[in-house]
PDB file of N, CA and C in Angstrom:
ATOM      1  N   UNK A   1       1.150  -1.504  -0.298  1.00  0.00           N
ATOM      2  CA  UNK A   1       0.185  -0.032  -0.076  1.00  0.00           C
ATOM      3  C   UNK A   1       1.145   1.670   0.221  1.00  0.00           C
ATOM      4  N   UNK A   2       1.796   1.278   1.094  1.00  0.00           N
ATOM      5  CA  UNK A   2       2.200   2.786   1.575  1.00  0.00           C
ATOM      6  C   UNK A   2       3.376   1.910  -0.616  1.00  0.00           C
ATOM      7  N   UNK A   3       3.437   2.038  -1.430  1.00  0.00           N
ATOM      8  CA  UNK A   3       3.972   1.534  -2.635  1.00  0.00           C
ATOM      9  C   UNK A   3       3.265   2.627  -3.686  1.00  0.00           C
ATOM     10  N   UNK A   4       1.330   2.043  -3.244  1.00  0.00           N
ATOM     11  CA  UNK A   4       0.541   3.085  -4.540  1.00  0.00           C
ATOM     12  C   UNK A   4       0.582   4.878  -4.000  1.00  0.00           C
ATOM     13  N   UNK A   5       1.136   4.430  -2.342  1.00  0.00           N
ATOM     14  CA  UNK A   5       0.371   6.594  -1.718  1.00  0.00           C
ATOM     15  C   UNK A   5       1.420   7.134  -2.601  1.00  0.00           C
ATOM     16  N   UNK A   6       2.953   6.571  -2.471  1.00  0.00           N
ATOM     17  CA  UNK A   6       3.859   7.875  -1.966  1.00  0.00           C
ATOM     18  C   UNK A   6       5.172   7.790  -3.591  1.00  0.00           C
ATOM     19  N   UNK A   7       4.759   8.393  -4.158  1.00  0.00           N
ATOM     20  CA  UNK A   7       6.115   8.700  -5.128  1.00  0.00           C
ATOM     21  C   UNK A   7       6.831   8.084  -5.139  1.00  0.00           C
ATOM     22  N   UNK A   8       7.840   8.562  -3.780  1.00  0.00           N
ATOM     23  CA  UNK A   8       8.942   8.009  -3.313  1.00  0.00           C
ATOM     24  C   UNK A   8       9.397   7.035  -3.332  1.00  0.00           C
ATOM     25  N   UNK A   9       8.181   6.200  -2.152  1.00  0.00           N
ATOM     26  CA  UNK A   9       8.200   4.693  -1.710  1.00  0.00           C
ATOM     27  C   UNK A   9       8.127   3.578  -2.579  1.00  0.00           C
ATOM     28  N   UNK A  10       7.059   4.953  -4.317  1.00  0.00           N
ATOM     29  CA  UNK A  10       7.209   3.612  -5.735  1.00  0.00           C
ATOM     30  C   UNK A  10       8.646   3.873  -6.042  1.00  0.00           C
ATOM     31  N   UNK A  11       9.171   5.267  -5.882  1.00  0.00           N
ATOM     32  CA  UNK A  11      11.055   4.491  -6.762  1.00  0.00           C
ATOM     33  C   UNK A  11      11.357   4.195  -5.958  1.00  0.00           C
ATOM     34  N   UNK A  12      11.474   3.791  -4.865  1.00  0.00           N
ATOM     35  CA  UNK A  12      12.283   2.344  -3.530  1.00  0.00           C
ATOM     36  C   UNK A  12      12.167   1.066  -4.296  1.00  0.00           C
ATOM     37  N   UNK A  13      10.574   1.056  -3.898  1.00  0.00           N
ATOM     38  CA  UNK A  13      10.322  -0.425  -4.052  1.00  0.00           C
ATOM     39  C   UNK A  13       9.961  -0.749  -4.625  1.00  0.00           C
ATOM     40  N   UNK A  14       9.632   0.095  -6.284  1.00  0.00           N
ATOM     41  CA  UNK A  14       9.627  -0.828  -7.405  1.00  0.00           C
ATOM     42  C   UNK A  14       8.095   0.040  -8.261  1.00  0.00           C
ATOM     43  N   UNK A  15       8.054  -0.382  -9.231  1.00  0.00           N
ATOM     44  CA  UNK A  15       6.695   0.489 -10.096  1.00  0.00           C
ATOM     45  C   UNK A  15       5.497  -0.406  -9.204  1.00  0.00           C
ATOM     46  N   UNK A  16       4.167   0.557  -9.166  1.00  0.00           N
ATOM     47  CA  UNK A  16       3.291  -0.033  -8.825  1.00  0.00           C
ATOM     48  C   UNK A  16       2.663  -1.289  -9.061  1.00  0.00           C
ATOM     49  N   UNK A  17       2.626  -0.908 -10.422  1.00  0.00           N
ATOM     50  CA  UNK A  17       2.570  -2.122 -10.601  1.00  0.00           C
ATOM     51  C   UNK A  17       3.410  -3.584 -11.358  1.00  0.00           C
ATOM     52  N   UNK A  18       4.297  -3.448  -9.901  1.00  0.00           N
ATOM     53  CA  UNK A  18       5.081  -4.653  -9.179  1.00  0.00           C
ATOM     54  C   UNK A  18       4.291  -5.690  -8.022  1.00  0.00           C
ATOM     55  N   UNK A  19       3.952  -6.355  -8.192  1.00  0.00           N
ATOM     56  CA  UNK A  19       2.685  -6.324  -7.362  1.00  0.00           C
ATOM     57  C   UNK A  19       3.570  -7.337  -5.974  1.00  0.00           C
ATOM     58  N   UNK A  20       4.910  -7.799  -6.558  1.00  0.00           N
ATOM     59  CA  UNK A  20       5.706  -9.261  -5.462  1.00  0.00           C
ATOM     60  C   UNK A  20       6.072  -7.313  -5.028  1.00  0.00           C
ATOM     61  N   UNK A  21       5.055  -6.251  -4.595  1.00  0.00           N
ATOM     62  CA  UNK A  21       5.691  -5.882  -3.966  1.00  0.00           C
ATOM     63  C   UNK A  21       5.159  -5.073  -2.573  1.00  0.00           C
ATOM     64  N   UNK A  22       3.615  -5.517  -3.173  1.00  0.00           N
ATOM     65  CA  UNK A  22       2.185  -5.007  -2.761  1.00  0.00           C
ATOM     66  C   UNK A  22       1.630  -6.490  -2.379  1.00  0.00           C
ATOM     67  N   UNK A  23       2.061  -7.732  -3.094  1.00  0.00           N
ATOM     68  CA  UNK A  23       1.586  -8.393  -2.097  1.00  0.00           C
ATOM     69  C   UNK A  23       1.431  -9.167  -0.522  1.00  0.00           C
ATOM     70  N   UNK A  24       0.476  -9.733   0.154  1.00  0.00           N
ATOM     71  CA  UNK A  24       1.616  -9.722   1.254  1.00  0.00           C
ATOM     72  C   UNK A  24       1.718 -11.503   1.500  1.00  0.00           C
ATOM     73  N   UNK A  25       2.943 -11.423   2.108  1.00  0.00           N
ATOM     74  CA  UNK A  25       3.815 -12.416   2.770  1.00  0.00           C
ATOM     75  C   UNK A  25       5.884 -12.508   3.047  1.00  0.00           C
ATOM     76  N   UNK A  26       6.146 -13.801   2.585  1.00  0.00           N
ATOM     77  CA  UNK A  26       7.948 -12.942   2.237  1.00  0.00           C
ATOM     78  C   UNK A  26       7.863 -13.132   0.727  1.00  0.00           C
ATOM     79  N   UNK A  27       9.057 -12.161   0.869  1.00  0.00           N
ATOM     80  CA  UNK A  27       9.648 -11.765  -0.517  1.00  0.00           C
ATOM     81  C   UNK A  27      10.612 -12.463  -0.873  1.00  0.00           C
ATOM     82  N   UNK A  28      10.329 -13.387  -2.244  1.00  0.00           N
ATOM     83  CA  UNK A  28      10.605 -14.590  -2.940  1.00  0.00           C
ATOM     84  C   UNK A  28      12.799 -14.724  -2.434  1.00  0.00           C
ATOM     85  N   UNK A  29      12.719 -12.880  -3.108  1.00  0.00           N
ATOM     86  CA  UNK A  29      14.479 -12.566  -2.973  1.00  0.00           C
ATOM     87  C   UNK A  29      14.888 -11.322  -2.435  1.00  0.00           C
ATOM     88  N   UNK A  30      15.718 -10.454  -2.303  1.00  0.00           N
ATOM     89  CA  UNK A  30      15.964  -9.515  -0.854  1.00  0.00           C
ATOM     90  C   UNK A  30      16.754 -10.299  -0.158  1.00  0.00           C
ATOM     91  N   UNK A  31      17.485  -8.876   0.532  1.00  0.00           N
ATOM     92  CA  UNK A  31      17.761  -9.196   1.958  1.00  0.00           C
ATOM     93  C   UNK A  31      17.967 -10.429   2.602  1.00  0.00           C
ATOM     94  N   UNK A  32      18.111 -10.888   3.426  1.00  0.00           N
ATOM     95  CA  UNK A  32      17.631 -11.627   4.917  1.00  0.00           C
ATOM     96  C   UNK A  32      17.059 -10.842   6.006  1.00  0.00           C
ATOM     97  N   UNK A  33      17.653  -9.686   6.032  1.00  0.00           N
ATOM     98  CA  UNK A  33      17.437  -8.354   6.808  1.00  0.00           C
ATOM     99  C   UNK A  33      15.478  -8.083   6.739  1.00  0.00           C
ATOM    100  N   UNK A  34      15.695  -7.963   5.435  1.00  0.00           N
ATOM    101  CA  UNK A  34      14.162  -8.048   4.729  1.00  0.00           C
ATOM    102  C   UNK A  34      13.628  -8.937   4.724  1.00  0.00           C
ATOM    103  N   UNK A  35      14.033  -9.995   4.673  1.00  0.00           N
ATOM    104  CA  UNK A  35      13.078 -11.518   4.790  1.00  0.00           C
ATOM    105  C   UNK A  35      12.698 -12.108   5.609  1.00  0.00           C
ATOM    106  N   UNK A  36      13.162 -11.358   6.719  1.00  0.00           N
ATOM    107  CA  UNK A  36      13.336 -11.875   8.359  1.00  0.00           C
ATOM    108  C   UNK A  36      11.777 -10.604   9.143  1.00  0.00           C
ATOM    109  N   UNK A  37      12.372  -9.603   8.576  1.00  0.00           N
ATOM    110  CA  UNK A  37      11.538  -8.277   9.108  1.00  0.00           C
ATOM    111  C   UNK A  37      10.677  -8.387   8.061  1.00  0.00           C
ATOM    112  N   UNK A  38       9.562  -9.133   7.168  1.00  0.00           N
ATOM    113  CA  UNK A  38       8.684  -9.582   7.027  1.00  0.00           C
ATOM    114  C   UNK A  38       8.069 -10.943   7.388  1.00  0.00           C
ATOM    115  N   UNK A  39       8.368 -11.439   7.994  1.00  0.00           N
ATOM    116  CA  UNK A  39       7.940 -12.831   8.613  1.00  0.00           C
ATOM    117  C   UNK A  39       7.863 -12.068   9.860  1.00  0.00           C
ATOM    118  N   UNK A  40       8.348 -11.140  10.613  1.00  0.00           N
ATOM    119  CA  UNK A  40       8.223 -10.350  11.970  1.00  0.00           C
ATOM    120  C   UNK A  40       6.797 -10.073  11.488  1.00  0.00           C
ATOM    121  N   UNK A  41       6.477  -9.241  10.894  1.00  0.00           N
ATOM    122  CA  UNK A  41       5.215  -8.288  10.084  1.00  0.00           C
ATOM    123  C   UNK A  41       3.635  -9.104   9.879  1.00  0.00           C
ATOM    124  N   UNK A  42       4.987  -9.761   9.556  1.00  0.00           N
ATOM    125  CA  UNK A  42       3.588 -10.966   9.188  1.00  0.00           C
ATOM    126  C   UNK A  42       2.762 -11.931  10.125  1.00  0.00           C
ATOM    127  N   UNK A  43       3.797 -12.416  10.888  1.00  0.00           N
ATOM    128  CA  UNK A  43       3.220 -12.887  12.178  1.00  0.00           C
ATOM    129  C   UNK A  43       3.068 -12.428  13.101  1.00  0.00           C
ATOM    130  N   UNK A  44       3.320 -10.681  13.992  1.00  0.00           N
ATOM    131  CA  UNK A  44       2.046 -10.210  14.319  1.00  0.00           C
ATOM    132  C   UNK A  44       1.055 -10.108  13.896  1.00  0.00           C
ATOM    133  N   UNK A  45       0.831  -9.690  13.082  1.00  0.00           N
ATOM    134  CA  UNK A  45      -0.781  -9.374  12.228  1.00  0.00           C
ATOM    135  C   UNK A  45      -1.383 -10.104  12.004  1.00  0.00           C
ATOM    136  N   UNK A  46      -0.920 -11.695  11.368  1.00  0.00           N
ATOM    137  CA  UNK A  46      -1.941 -13.870  11.578  1.00  0.00           C
ATOM    138  C   UNK A  46      -2.047 -13.575  12.430  1.00  0.00           C
ATOM    139  N   UNK A  47      -0.717 -13.904  14.216  1.00  0.00           N
ATOM    140  CA  UNK A  47      -1.192 -13.841  15.174  1.00  0.00           C
ATOM    141  C   UNK A  47      -0.443 -13.687  15.808  1.00  0.00           C
ATOM    142  N   UNK A  48      -1.073 -12.648  15.749  1.00  0.00           N
ATOM    143  CA  UNK A  48      -0.725 -11.560  17.387  1.00  0.00           C
ATOM    144  C   UNK A  48       0.498 -11.300  17.870  1.00  0.00           C
ATOM    145  N   UNK A  49       1.651 -12.366  17.889  1.00  0.00           N
ATOM    146  CA  UNK A  49       2.593 -13.222  18.476  1.00  0.00           C
ATOM    147  C   UNK A  49       3.319 -13.803  17.537  1.00  0.00           C
ATOM    148  N   UNK A  50       5.103 -13.630  18.594  1.00  0.00           N
ATOM    149  CA  UNK A  50       6.519 -14.197  17.645  1.00  0.00           C
ATOM    150  C   UNK A  50       6.556 -15.508  18.642  1.00  0.00           C
ATOM    151  N   UNK A  51       6.910 -16.485  17.521  1.00  0.00           N
ATOM    152  CA  UNK A  51       6.951 -17.489  17.971  1.00  0.00           C
ATOM    153  C   UNK A  51       8.049 -17.897  19.122  1.00  0.00           C
ATOM    154  N   UNK A  52       8.479 -18.543  20.166  1.00  0.00           N
ATOM    155  CA  UNK A  52       9.820 -17.998  20.199  1.00  0.00           C
ATOM    156  C   UNK A  52      11.029 -17.872  19.629  1.00  0.00           C
ATOM    157  N   UNK A  53      10.394 -18.808  17.774  1.00  0.00           N
ATOM    158  CA  UNK A  53      11.959 -19.488  17.746  1.00  0.00           C
ATOM    159  C   UNK A  53      12.132 -18.191  16.984  1.00  0.00           C
ATOM    160  N   UNK A  54      11.173 -17.656  15.962  1.00  0.00           N
ATOM    161  CA  UNK A  54      10.916 -15.791  15.433  1.00  0.00           C
ATOM    162  C   UNK A  54      11.227 -15.225  16.376  1.00  0.00           C
ATOM    163  N   UNK A  55      11.096 -15.072  17.799  1.00  0.00           N
ATOM    164  CA  UNK A  55      11.284 -14.126  18.331  1.00  0.00           C
ATOM    165  C   UNK A  55      13.090 -14.079  18.730  1.00  0.00           C
ATOM    166  N   UNK A  56      13.699 -15.612  18.681  1.00  0.00           N
ATOM    167  CA  UNK A  56      14.643 -15.571  19.195  1.00  0.00           C
ATOM    168  C   UNK A  56      16.189 -15.039  18.054  1.00  0.00           C
ATOM    169  N   UNK A  57      15.859 -15.148  16.629  1.00  0.00           N
ATOM    170  CA  UNK A  57      16.223 -15.778  15.691  1.00  0.00           C
ATOM    171  C   UNK A  57      15.649 -13.743  15.616  1.00  0.00           C
ATOM    172  N   UNK A  58      15.556 -12.994  15.530  1.00  0.00           N
ATOM    173  CA  UNK A  58      14.858 -11.515  15.109  1.00  0.00           C
ATOM    174  C   UNK A  58      16.141 -11.054  16.158  1.00  0.00           C
ATOM    175  N   UNK A  59      15.798 -11.438  17.720  1.00  0.00           N
ATOM    176  CA  UNK A  59      16.803 -10.837  18.327  1.00  0.00           C
ATOM    177  C   UNK A  59      18.068 -10.646  18.376  1.00  0.00           C
ATOM    178  N   UNK A  60      18.162 -11.796  17.897  1.00  0.00           N
ATOM    179  CA  UNK A  60      20.358 -12.638  17.408  1.00  0.00           C
ATOM    180  C   UNK A  60      20.163 -11.189  16.379  1.00  0.00           C
ATOM    181  N   UNK A  61      19.910 -11.209  15.911  1.00  0.00           N
ATOM    182  CA  UNK A  61      19.822 -10.624  13.615  1.00  0.00           C
ATOM    183  C   UNK A  61      20.109  -8.886  14.537  1.00  0.00           C
ATOM    184  N   UNK A  62      19.161  -8.658  15.301  1.00  0.00           N
ATOM    185  CA  UNK A  62      18.787  -6.966  15.918  1.00  0.00           C
ATOM    186  C   UNK A  62      18.857  -6.942  16.681  1.00  0.00           C
ATOM    187  N   UNK A  63      18.627  -7.378  17.661  1.00  0.00           N
ATOM    188  CA  UNK A  63      19.053  -6.644  19.272  1.00  0.00           C
ATOM    189  C   UNK A  63      17.722  -6.945  19.403  1.00  0.00           C
ATOM    190  N   UNK A  64      18.377  -6.403  20.623  1.00  0.00           N
ATOM    191  CA  UNK A  64      16.244  -6.492  21.023  1.00  0.00           C
ATOM    192  C   UNK A  64      16.532  -4.734  20.996  1.00  0.00           C
ATOM    193  N   UNK A  65      17.135  -3.999  21.623  1.00  0.00           N
ATOM    194  CA  UNK A  65      16.918  -2.734  20.878  1.00  0.00           C
ATOM    195  C   UNK A  65      16.014  -3.036  19.851  1.00  0.00           C
ATOM    196  N   UNK A  66      17.420  -3.182  18.626  1.00  0.00           N
ATOM    197  CA  UNK A  66      16.445  -2.954  17.423  1.00  0.00           C
ATOM    198  C   UNK A  66      15.848  -3.694  16.865  1.00  0.00           C
ATOM    199  N   UNK A  67      15.225  -4.722  17.670  1.00  0.00           N
ATOM    200  CA  UNK A  67      13.359  -5.398  17.404  1.00  0.00           C
ATOM    201  C   UNK A  67      12.640  -5.140  17.883  1.00  0.00           C
ATOM    202  N   UNK A  68      12.572  -3.329  18.458  1.00  0.00           N
ATOM    203  CA  UNK A  68      11.300  -3.207  19.415  1.00  0.00           C
ATOM    204  C   UNK A  68      11.485  -1.817  18.312  1.00  0.00           C
ATOM    205  N   UNK A  69      12.057  -1.499  17.138  1.00  0.00           N
ATOM    206  CA  UNK A  69      12.880  -0.625  16.383  1.00  0.00           C
ATOM    207  C   UNK A  69      11.959  -1.343  15.586  1.00  0.00           C
ATOM    208  N   UNK A  70      11.988  -1.826  15.146  1.00  0.00           N
ATOM    209  CA  UNK A  70      11.643  -3.223  13.621  1.00  0.00           C
ATOM    210  C   UNK A  70       9.905  -2.795  13.722  1.00  0.00           C
ATOM    211  N   UNK A  71       9.392  -3.991  15.780  1.00  0.00           N
ATOM    212  CA  UNK A  71       8.073  -4.096  16.215  1.00  0.00           C
ATOM    213  C   UNK A  71       7.730  -2.394  16.031  1.00  0.00           C
ATOM    214  N   UNK A  72       7.252  -1.372  16.056  1.00  0.00           N
ATOM    215  CA  UNK A  72       7.184   0.564  15.763  1.00  0.00           C
ATOM    216  C   UNK A  72       7.676   0.468  14.772  1.00  0.00           C
ATOM    217  N   UNK A  73       7.840   0.548  13.871  1.00  0.00           N
ATOM    218  CA  UNK A  73       8.035   0.897  12.069  1.00  0.00           C
ATOM    219  C   UNK A  73       6.150   0.233  12.016  1.00  0.00           C
ATOM    220  N   UNK A  74       6.650  -1.295  12.705  1.00  0.00           N
ATOM    221  CA  UNK A  74       5.739  -2.277  11.721  1.00  0.00           C
ATOM    222  C   UNK A  74       4.434  -1.417  12.219  1.00  0.00           C
ATOM    223  N   UNK A  75       3.924  -1.432  13.593  1.00  0.00           N
ATOM    224  CA  UNK A  75       2.797  -0.824  14.356  1.00  0.00           C
ATOM    225  C   UNK A  75       2.636   0.632  14.164  1.00  0.00           C
ATOM    226  N   UNK A  76       3.604   1.696  13.412  1.00  0.00           N
ATOM    227  CA  UNK A  76       3.530   2.696  12.838  1.00  0.00           C
ATOM    228  C   UNK A  76       3.261   2.736  11.296  1.00  0.00           C
ATOM    229  N   UNK A  77       3.333   1.619  10.983  1.00  0.00           N
ATOM    230  CA  UNK A  77       3.150   1.886   8.877  1.00  0.00           C
ATOM    231  C   UNK A  77       2.064   1.626   9.247  1.00  0.00           C
ATOM    232  N   UNK A  78       1.453   0.116  10.961  1.00  0.00           N
ATOM    233  CA  UNK A  78      -0.335  -0.186   9.472  1.00  0.00           C
ATOM    234  C   UNK A  78      -1.230   0.752   9.785  1.00  0.00           C
ATOM    235  N   UNK A  79      -0.995   1.751  11.685  1.00  0.00           N
ATOM    236  CA  UNK A  79      -2.314   2.662  12.465  1.00  0.00           C
ATOM    237  C   UNK A  79      -1.759   3.139  10.637  1.00  0.00           C
ATOM    238  N   UNK A  80      -0.514   3.891   9.614  1.00  0.00           N
ATOM    239  CA  UNK A  80      -1.379   5.009   9.001  1.00  0.00           C
ATOM    240  C   UNK A  80      -1.884   4.718   8.639  1.00  0.00           C
ATOM    241  N   UNK A  81      -1.863   3.632   7.365  1.00  0.00           N
ATOM    242  CA  UNK A  81      -2.391   2.276   6.495  1.00  0.00           C
ATOM    243  C   UNK A  81      -4.028   2.091   6.810  1.00  0.00           C
ATOM    244  N   UNK A  82      -3.737   1.731   8.670  1.00  0.00           N
ATOM    245  CA  UNK A  82      -5.823   1.825   8.686  1.00  0.00           C
ATOM    246  C   UNK A  82      -6.655   3.141   8.571  1.00  0.00           C
ATOM    247  N   UNK A  83      -6.239   4.350   8.953  1.00  0.00           N
ATOM    248  CA  UNK A  83      -6.485   4.874   8.878  1.00  0.00           C
ATOM    249  C   UNK A  83      -6.424   5.911   7.543  1.00  0.00           C
ATOM    250  N   UNK A  84      -5.608   5.864   6.680  1.00  0.00           N
ATOM    251  CA  UNK A  84      -5.552   6.133   5.351  1.00  0.00           C
ATOM    252  C   UNK A  84      -6.519   5.528   5.244  1.00  0.00           C
ATOM    253  N   UNK A  85      -6.798   3.812   5.211  1.00  0.00           N
ATOM    254  CA  UNK A  85      -7.992   3.166   4.255  1.00  0.00           C
ATOM    255  C   UNK A  85      -9.935   3.208   5.074  1.00  0.00           C
ATOM    256  N   UNK A  86      -9.265   3.779   6.593  1.00  0.00           N
ATOM    257  CA  UNK A  86     -10.493   3.505   7.139  1.00  0.00           C
ATOM    258  C   UNK A  86     -11.536   5.337   6.450  1.00  0.00           C
ATOM    259  N   UNK A  87     -10.319   6.182   6.366  1.00  0.00           N
ATOM    260  CA  UNK A  87     -10.475   7.074   5.537  1.00  0.00           C
ATOM    261  C   UNK A  87     -11.055   6.936   3.930  1.00  0.00           C
ATOM    262  N   UNK A  88     -10.917   6.290   2.975  1.00  0.00           N
ATOM    263  CA  UNK A  88     -10.469   6.146   2.180  1.00  0.00           C
ATOM    264  C   UNK A  88      -9.802   7.167   1.123  1.00  0.00           C
ATOM    265  N   UNK A  89      -8.656   7.440   1.705  1.00  0.00           N
ATOM    266  CA  UNK A  89      -7.660   8.147   1.386  1.00  0.00           C
ATOM    267  C   UNK A  89      -7.690   8.022  -0.131  1.00  0.00           C
ATOM    268  N   UNK A  90      -7.640   8.555  -1.208  1.00  0.00           N
ATOM    269  CA  UNK A  90      -7.249   8.406  -2.320  1.00  0.00           C
ATOM    270  C   UNK A  90      -5.655   8.201  -2.916  1.00  0.00           C
ATOM    271  N   UNK A  91      -5.116   6.879  -2.996  1.00  0.00           N
ATOM    272  CA  UNK A  91      -3.706   7.332  -3.541  1.00  0.00           C
ATOM    273  C   UNK A  91      -3.381   8.441  -4.990  1.00  0.00           C
ATOM    274  N   UNK A  92      -2.804   8.855  -4.960  1.00  0.00           N
ATOM    275  CA  UNK A  92      -1.740  10.071  -5.988  1.00  0.00           C
ATOM    276  C   UNK A  92      -1.376   9.334  -6.542  1.00  0.00           C
ATOM    277  N   UNK A  93      -1.072   9.976  -8.097  1.00  0.00           N
ATOM    278  CA  UNK A  93      -0.253   9.708  -9.051  1.00  0.00           C
ATOM    279  C   UNK A  93      -0.916   8.401  -9.812  1.00  0.00           C
ATOM    280  N   UNK A  94      -1.741   7.848  -9.797  1.00  0.00           N
ATOM    281  CA  UNK A  94      -2.017   6.439  -9.862  1.00  0.00           C
ATOM    282  C   UNK A  94      -2.657   6.105 -10.486  1.00  0.00           C
ATOM    283  N   UNK A  95      -3.059   5.239 -12.114  1.00  0.00           N
ATOM    284  CA  UNK A  95      -3.470   5.224 -13.423  1.00  0.00           C
ATOM    285  C   UNK A  95      -5.340   4.718 -12.442  1.00  0.00           C
ATOM    286  N   UNK A  96      -5.093   3.120 -11.708  1.00  0.00           N
ATOM    287  CA  UNK A  96      -5.840   2.572 -10.744  1.00  0.00           C
ATOM    288  C   UNK A  96      -6.000   2.135  -9.256  1.00  0.00           C
ATOM    289  N   UNK A  97      -6.803   2.879  -8.744  1.00  0.00           N
ATOM    290  CA  UNK A  97      -6.803   2.794  -7.095  1.00  0.00           C
ATOM    291  C   UNK A  97      -6.038   1.023  -6.366  1.00  0.00           C
ATOM    292  N   UNK A  98      -5.296   1.423  -5.419  1.00  0.00           N
ATOM    293  CA  UNK A  98      -5.424   0.269  -5.197  1.00  0.00           C
ATOM    294  C   UNK A  98      -6.627  -0.635  -4.676  1.00  0.00           C
ATOM    295  N   UNK A  99      -7.454  -0.051  -3.912  1.00  0.00           N
ATOM    296  CA  UNK A  99      -8.988  -0.570  -3.590  1.00  0.00           C
ATOM    297  C   UNK A  99      -9.602  -0.743  -4.762  1.00  0.00           C
ATOM    298  N   UNK A 100     -10.714  -1.185  -4.631  1.00  0.00           N
ATOM    299  CA  UNK A 100     -12.722  -0.879  -4.590  1.00  0.00           C
ATOM    300  C   UNK A 100     -13.172  -0.494  -3.963  1.00  0.00           C
ATOM    301  N   UNK A 101     -13.595   0.985  -3.434  1.00  0.00           N
ATOM    302  CA  UNK A 101     -14.703   0.651  -2.298  1.00  0.00           C
ATOM    303  C   UNK A 101     -15.904   0.847  -3.258  1.00  0.00           C
ATOM    304  N   UNK A 102     -17.121   0.308  -2.982  1.00  0.00           N
ATOM    305  CA  UNK A 102     -18.525   0.127  -3.251  1.00  0.00           C
ATOM    306  C   UNK A 102     -19.399   1.352  -3.272  1.00  0.00           C
ATOM    307  N   UNK A 103     -19.718   1.894  -4.152  1.00  0.00           N
ATOM    308  CA  UNK A 103     -20.648   2.892  -3.583  1.00  0.00           C
ATOM    309  C   UNK A 103     -22.040   3.338  -2.478  1.00  0.00           C
ATOM    310  N   UNK A 104     -21.882   4.050  -2.714  1.00  0.00           N
ATOM    311  CA  UNK A 104     -22.949   4.542  -0.914  1.00  0.00           C
ATOM    312  C   UNK A 104     -21.727   3.513  -0.655  1.00  0.00           C
ATOM    313  N   UNK A 105     -22.007   3.279   0.304  1.00  0.00           N
ATOM    314  CA  UNK A 105     -20.892   3.105   1.379  1.00  0.00           C
ATOM    315  C   UNK A 105     -19.979   3.733   2.667  1.00  0.00           C
TER     316      UNK A 105
END
């Protein structure tokens, strides 16, 4: 969603049509750090927790303070995304909106 809303984000994560940057799940490629952050985010959003194994891998890689930062960024992004979606703020600079909202709702 961030890639669709911000021109700077589109520059950093690729074209809006590059759906691998927008779909949920762990990216197929990319640095191990990014894959680990995606695993943490996915676990927090889907299970609302980190398994002991995932927690330990994240602490081993980022340290406890680093993991706090990662979780803080995930939470902030989620809050911003939910706010934009709740108020149906349109994406700018795109031909098609990333979500189709039903008319009259």
